[in-house]
Amino acid sequence: MRILMLSSWVARGHVGLSAGAPVLQILGHEVTQLPTVLLSNHPGFAQTSGRPVATDQLAGMIDALDANGWLASQDALLTGYLPTPEHVALACHLIARLRRHGRPRVIVDPVLGDHPKGLYLPGAVADDLRDRLAPQADTLTPNAFELGWLTGLPTDTPEAAATAARTLAGTCREVLLTSAPAGPDRIGVFRVAQGDEGLWSAPLRRGVPNGVGDVFAALVAAGIPTGQALGHLDVLITASFGAPHLRIAESAARWSRAAPLPKSA
């Protein structure tokens, strides 16, 4: 598949584009990357340097891709971290432009925040993402905090999270709730798609490097079924414990051949 990705990029480590793109390339997919921010590394480290990429520069890159005939051939668009309202507007414009060429799948990973920190973004950006971008998605991949913020509903129990996911699914074809509460010391992914539901769960594991959500959203954008995507992730996570970053290249021979994880319910 050919996947266009609009998200953050880091020089070292694996988050945003620097997580999703190499995973998809190892699996044989063609990836085109549009960076919304250029950073030295994930901001969780002691030192970070970088800044957002100006939207006029990104617009020029999109024009060039289109002029070369590469926009028309995209099978899917994945949007991730969008730092300003102007970047959200650019994402909306890009969706409209792609849909003039056909009907590529649009996957929105609504990178808004997480527990316990709350919103990572200014309120104006989060509002625009909820009100302007999310309604254009075919698939949404929120975590539990983001699902609650998008719907205004509680997500702290399996039952509440399922209700909120069903509510959000009324606005798109598919919702994949990551970090879904799945019982004591368990976490999972809850999928709702046009009446079809499923839960995949695993023991809650701490100390996992950043970027797991970015990899999952990229696998979803490539059309990989949920169970298979989680099979890849399970092996990658296991191989990455104790490392500062996901061991994408080092463990590729194992995670790329992983079996699917079965549904829990």
Protein backbone atom coordinates (compact mmCIF):
# COMPACT_ATOMS: atom_id res chain seq x y z
CA MET A 1 0.00 0.00 0.00
CA ARG A 2 0.93 3.67 -0.40
CA ILE A 3 0.46 5.66 2.79
CA LEU A 4 0.85 9.43 3.21
CA MET A 5 1.68 10.44 6.79
CA LEU A 6 1.40 13.90 8.37
CA SER A 7 2.91 13.98 11.87
CA SER A 8 5.96 14.77 13.99
CA TRP A 9 9.51 13.66 13.13
CA VAL A 10 12.52 13.10 15.40
CA ALA A 11 16.18 12.77 14.42
CA ARG A 12 16.83 10.12 17.08
CA GLY A 13 14.39 7.56 18.42
CA HIS A 14 11.05 6.28 17.26
CA VAL A 15 7.98 8.47 17.71
CA GLY A 16 5.64 10.02 15.15
CA LEU A 17 6.83 9.54 11.58
CA SER A 18 10.10 8.11 12.89
CA ALA A 19 8.13 5.23 14.41
CA GLY A 20 5.38 4.55 11.90
CA ALA A 21 7.35 4.96 8.66
CA PRO A 22 10.16 2.44 9.32
CA VAL A 23 7.70 -0.18 10.54
CA LEU A 24 5.61 0.13 7.38
CA GLN A 25 8.69 0.15 5.16
CA ILE A 26 9.98 -3.05 6.78
CA LEU A 27 6.58 -4.62 6.01
CA GLY A 28 6.89 -3.59 2.35
CA HIS A 29 4.67 -0.50 2.19
CA GLU A 30 5.48 2.76 0.41
CA VAL A 31 5.46 5.75 2.77
CA THR A 32 5.45 9.48 1.99
CA GLN A 33 6.22 11.66 5.02
CA LEU A 34 5.15 15.23 5.78
CA PRO A 35 6.70 16.42 9.09
CA THR A 36 4.66 18.84 11.20
CA VAL A 37 7.54 19.30 13.69
CA LEU A 38 11.25 18.59 13.46
CA LEU A 39 12.83 17.62 16.79
CA SER A 40 16.13 16.20 17.92
CA ASN A 41 14.31 13.55 19.99
CA HIS A 42 11.20 12.94 22.08
CA PRO A 43 10.66 15.84 24.55
CA GLY A 44 10.78 13.41 27.47
CA PHE A 45 14.59 13.40 27.37
CA ALA A 46 16.73 15.96 29.25
CA GLN A 47 17.51 18.04 26.15
CA THR A 48 15.34 18.65 23.10
CA SER A 49 15.72 21.02 20.18
CA GLY A 50 13.47 21.72 17.24
CA ARG A 51 10.38 23.55 16.10
CA PRO A 52 7.19 23.17 14.06
CA VAL A 53 7.47 23.15 10.27
CA ALA A 54 5.72 26.20 8.79
CA THR A 55 2.45 25.33 7.11
CA ASP A 56 3.37 27.31 3.98
CA GLN A 57 6.43 25.08 3.60
CA LEU A 58 4.26 21.98 4.01
CA ALA A 59 1.77 23.38 1.50
CA GLY A 60 4.59 23.81 -1.00
CA MET A 61 5.69 20.21 -0.43
CA ILE A 62 2.12 19.03 -1.02
CA ASP A 63 1.97 21.06 -4.26
CA ALA A 64 5.19 19.43 -5.45
CA LEU A 65 3.96 15.93 -4.59
CA ASP A 66 0.75 16.63 -6.48
CA ALA A 67 2.58 18.06 -9.50
CA ASN A 68 4.70 14.91 -9.65
CA GLY A 69 1.55 12.77 -9.67
CA TRP A 70 2.15 11.23 -6.24
CA LEU A 71 -0.92 12.49 -4.37
CA ALA A 72 -3.32 10.78 -6.74
CA SER A 73 -1.77 7.38 -6.03
CA GLN A 74 -2.15 7.38 -2.23
CA ASP A 75 -4.22 4.61 -0.67
CA ALA A 76 -4.42 6.16 2.79
CA LEU A 77 -3.66 9.29 4.80
CA LEU A 78 -2.63 9.13 8.45
CA THR A 79 -2.59 12.32 10.53
CA GLY A 80 -0.86 12.42 13.91
CA TYR A 81 0.66 15.29 15.89
CA LEU A 82 -0.57 18.71 14.71
CA PRO A 83 0.92 21.53 16.82
CA THR A 84 -1.18 24.56 15.78
CA PRO A 85 -4.63 25.40 14.42
CA GLU A 86 -2.94 26.14 11.09
CA HIS A 87 -1.64 22.56 10.95
CA VAL A 88 -5.14 21.23 11.61
CA ALA A 89 -6.44 23.44 8.78
CA LEU A 90 -3.69 22.10 6.51
CA ALA A 91 -4.70 18.52 7.35
CA CYS A 92 -8.32 19.30 6.45
CA HIS A 93 -7.21 20.89 3.17
CA LEU A 94 -5.04 17.87 2.39
CA ILE A 95 -7.97 15.50 2.93
CA ALA A 96 -10.14 17.51 0.54
CA ARG A 97 -7.35 17.56 -2.03
CA LEU A 98 -6.76 13.82 -1.80
CA ARG A 99 -10.46 13.09 -2.14
CA ARG A 100 -10.56 14.98 -5.42
CA HIS A 101 -8.34 12.18 -6.75
CA GLY A 102 -10.44 9.35 -5.30
CA ARG A 103 -11.38 7.99 -1.90
CA PRO A 104 -8.26 7.13 0.09
CA ARG A 105 -8.86 6.00 3.65
CA VAL A 106 -8.32 8.74 6.23
CA ILE A 107 -7.00 7.65 9.60
CA VAL A 108 -6.85 10.31 12.31
CA ASP A 109 -4.74 9.58 15.37
CA PRO A 110 -6.04 12.42 17.58
CA VAL A 111 -2.83 13.21 19.46
CA LEU A 112 -4.31 15.40 22.19
CA GLY A 113 -3.05 14.13 25.52
CA ASP A 114 -3.07 11.28 27.99
CA HIS A 115 -3.55 10.43 31.63
CA PRO A 116 -2.39 11.86 34.00
CA LYS A 117 -0.97 14.94 32.22
CA GLY A 118 -4.11 15.90 30.33
CA LEU A 119 -3.96 17.90 27.11
CA TYR A 120 -0.58 18.18 25.39
CA LEU A 121 -1.88 20.86 23.02
CA PRO A 122 -3.39 24.33 23.40
CA GLY A 123 -7.15 24.25 23.73
CA ALA A 124 -7.67 25.95 20.35
CA VAL A 125 -5.79 23.16 18.58
CA ALA A 126 -7.70 20.46 20.45
CA ASP A 127 -11.02 22.15 19.65
CA ASP A 128 -10.21 22.35 15.94
CA LEU A 129 -9.06 18.74 15.86
CA ARG A 130 -12.32 17.62 17.48
CA ASP A 131 -14.65 19.88 15.51
CA ARG A 132 -12.98 20.09 12.08
CA LEU A 133 -10.63 17.15 11.54
CA ALA A 134 -12.08 14.19 13.46
CA PRO A 135 -15.44 14.31 11.59
CA GLN A 136 -13.57 13.75 8.30
CA ALA A 137 -11.92 10.52 9.47
CA ASP A 138 -12.79 7.04 8.29
CA THR A 139 -10.92 5.63 11.31
CA LEU A 140 -10.08 7.25 14.65
CA THR A 141 -7.47 5.81 17.05
CA PRO A 142 -7.84 7.70 20.36
CA ASN A 143 -6.46 6.60 23.69
CA ALA A 144 -8.83 6.58 26.68
CA PHE A 145 -8.10 10.20 27.63
CA GLU A 146 -8.59 11.39 24.05
CA LEU A 147 -11.81 9.43 23.68
CA GLY A 148 -13.18 11.08 26.81
CA TRP A 149 -12.12 14.52 25.59
CA LEU A 150 -13.64 14.00 22.13
CA THR A 151 -16.97 12.72 23.46
CA GLY A 152 -17.28 14.39 26.87
CA LEU A 153 -18.00 10.96 28.35
CA PRO A 154 -16.22 8.96 31.08
CA THR A 155 -13.81 6.24 29.97
CA ASP A 156 -12.49 4.93 33.29
CA THR A 157 -14.25 1.54 33.26
CA PRO A 158 -14.59 -1.04 30.48
CA GLU A 159 -18.32 -0.37 30.26
CA ALA A 160 -17.96 3.43 30.17
CA ALA A 161 -15.16 3.28 27.60
CA ALA A 162 -17.23 0.98 25.37
CA THR A 163 -20.17 3.39 25.52
CA ALA A 164 -17.95 6.35 24.63
CA ALA A 165 -16.35 4.43 21.74
CA ARG A 166 -19.79 3.52 20.35
CA THR A 167 -20.79 7.19 20.58
CA LEU A 168 -17.71 8.31 18.65
CA ALA A 169 -18.22 5.54 16.10
CA GLY A 170 -21.44 7.26 15.09
CA THR A 171 -19.28 9.91 13.38
CA CYS A 172 -17.02 7.60 11.33
CA ARG A 173 -16.63 4.06 10.02
CA GLU A 174 -14.33 2.74 12.73
CA VAL A 175 -13.01 3.60 16.19
CA LEU A 176 -10.03 1.79 17.68
CA LEU A 177 -9.73 2.73 21.35
CA THR A 178 -6.16 2.18 22.52
CA SER A 179 -5.29 1.89 26.23
CA ALA A 180 -8.81 0.61 26.78
CA PRO A 181 -9.48 -0.47 30.38
CA ALA A 182 -9.87 -4.25 30.23
CA GLY A 183 -9.97 -5.33 33.87
CA PRO A 184 -7.50 -5.38 36.79
CA ASP A 185 -3.91 -4.91 35.56
CA ARG A 186 -4.98 -5.37 31.95
CA ILE A 187 -5.14 -3.01 28.99
CA GLY A 188 -6.43 -3.46 25.51
CA VAL A 189 -7.76 -2.21 22.21
CA PHE A 190 -11.52 -1.97 21.75
CA ARG A 191 -12.76 -1.81 18.16
CA VAL A 192 -16.16 -0.57 17.01
CA ALA A 193 -16.91 -0.63 13.27
CA GLN A 194 -20.44 -0.33 11.92
CA GLY A 195 -21.94 -2.57 14.59
CA ASP A 196 -19.04 -5.02 14.73
CA GLU A 197 -17.17 -4.98 18.04
CA GLY A 198 -14.13 -6.70 19.48
CA LEU A 199 -11.71 -6.44 22.39
CA TRP A 200 -8.07 -7.51 22.42
CA SER A 201 -6.41 -7.36 25.84
CA ALA A 202 -3.03 -8.06 27.41
CA PRO A 203 -1.37 -7.60 30.82
CA LEU A 204 -0.57 -3.97 31.63
CA ARG A 205 3.18 -3.50 31.14
CA ARG A 206 5.06 -0.44 32.34
CA GLY A 207 8.36 0.95 31.15
CA VAL A 208 7.54 0.62 27.45
CA PRO A 209 9.40 3.15 25.24
CA ASN A 210 7.44 5.95 23.58
CA GLY A 211 6.03 5.44 20.09
CA VAL A 212 3.83 2.36 20.50
CA GLY A 213 0.68 4.31 19.65
CA ASP A 214 2.34 5.79 16.56
CA VAL A 215 3.30 2.31 15.34
CA PHE A 216 -0.22 1.00 15.94
CA ALA A 217 -1.85 3.88 14.03
CA ALA A 218 0.54 3.32 11.11
CA LEU A 219 -0.30 -0.40 10.99
CA VAL A 220 -3.99 0.49 10.97
CA ALA A 221 -3.39 2.97 8.13
CA ALA A 222 -1.81 0.17 6.12
CA GLY A 223 -5.02 -1.84 6.43
CA ILE A 224 -3.52 -4.49 8.70
CA PRO A 225 -6.27 -6.21 10.77
CA THR A 226 -6.37 -5.28 14.45
CA GLY A 227 -5.30 -8.68 15.78
CA GLN A 228 -2.34 -8.85 13.40
CA ALA A 229 -1.29 -5.27 14.18
CA LEU A 230 -1.33 -6.10 17.88
CA GLY A 231 0.66 -9.27 17.23
CA HIS A 232 3.39 -7.18 15.63
CA LEU A 233 3.26 -4.71 18.53
CA ASP A 234 3.34 -7.37 21.24
CA VAL A 235 6.61 -8.81 19.96
CA LEU A 236 8.09 -5.35 19.35
CA ILE A 237 7.22 -4.22 22.88
CA THR A 238 8.72 -7.35 24.41
CA ALA A 239 11.93 -6.80 22.43
CA SER A 240 12.11 -3.14 23.52
CA PHE A 241 11.92 -3.42 27.33
CA GLY A 242 14.85 -1.67 28.97
CA ALA A 243 15.74 0.27 25.81
CA PRO A 244 15.41 4.07 25.51
CA HIS A 245 13.64 3.68 22.16
CA LEU A 246 11.63 1.02 20.37
CA ARG A 247 13.96 -1.59 18.86
CA ILE A 248 12.30 -1.49 15.46
CA ALA A 249 15.25 -2.42 13.27
CA GLU A 250 17.03 -4.64 15.78
CA SER A 251 14.02 -6.92 16.33
CA ALA A 252 12.44 -6.68 12.87
CA ALA A 253 13.05 -10.34 12.07
CA ARG A 254 10.84 -11.28 15.02
CA TRP A 255 8.05 -8.69 15.15
CA SER A 256 7.51 -8.61 11.39
CA ARG A 257 6.69 -12.35 11.46
CA ALA A 258 4.51 -12.29 14.58
CA ALA A 259 1.23 -14.19 14.71
CA PRO A 260 -2.01 -12.26 15.30
CA LEU A 261 -3.29 -11.81 18.85
CA PRO A 262 -6.69 -13.44 19.40
CA LYS A 263 -9.74 -11.49 20.51
CA SER A 264 -10.50 -11.49 24.21
CA ALA A 265 -14.20 -10.77 23.67
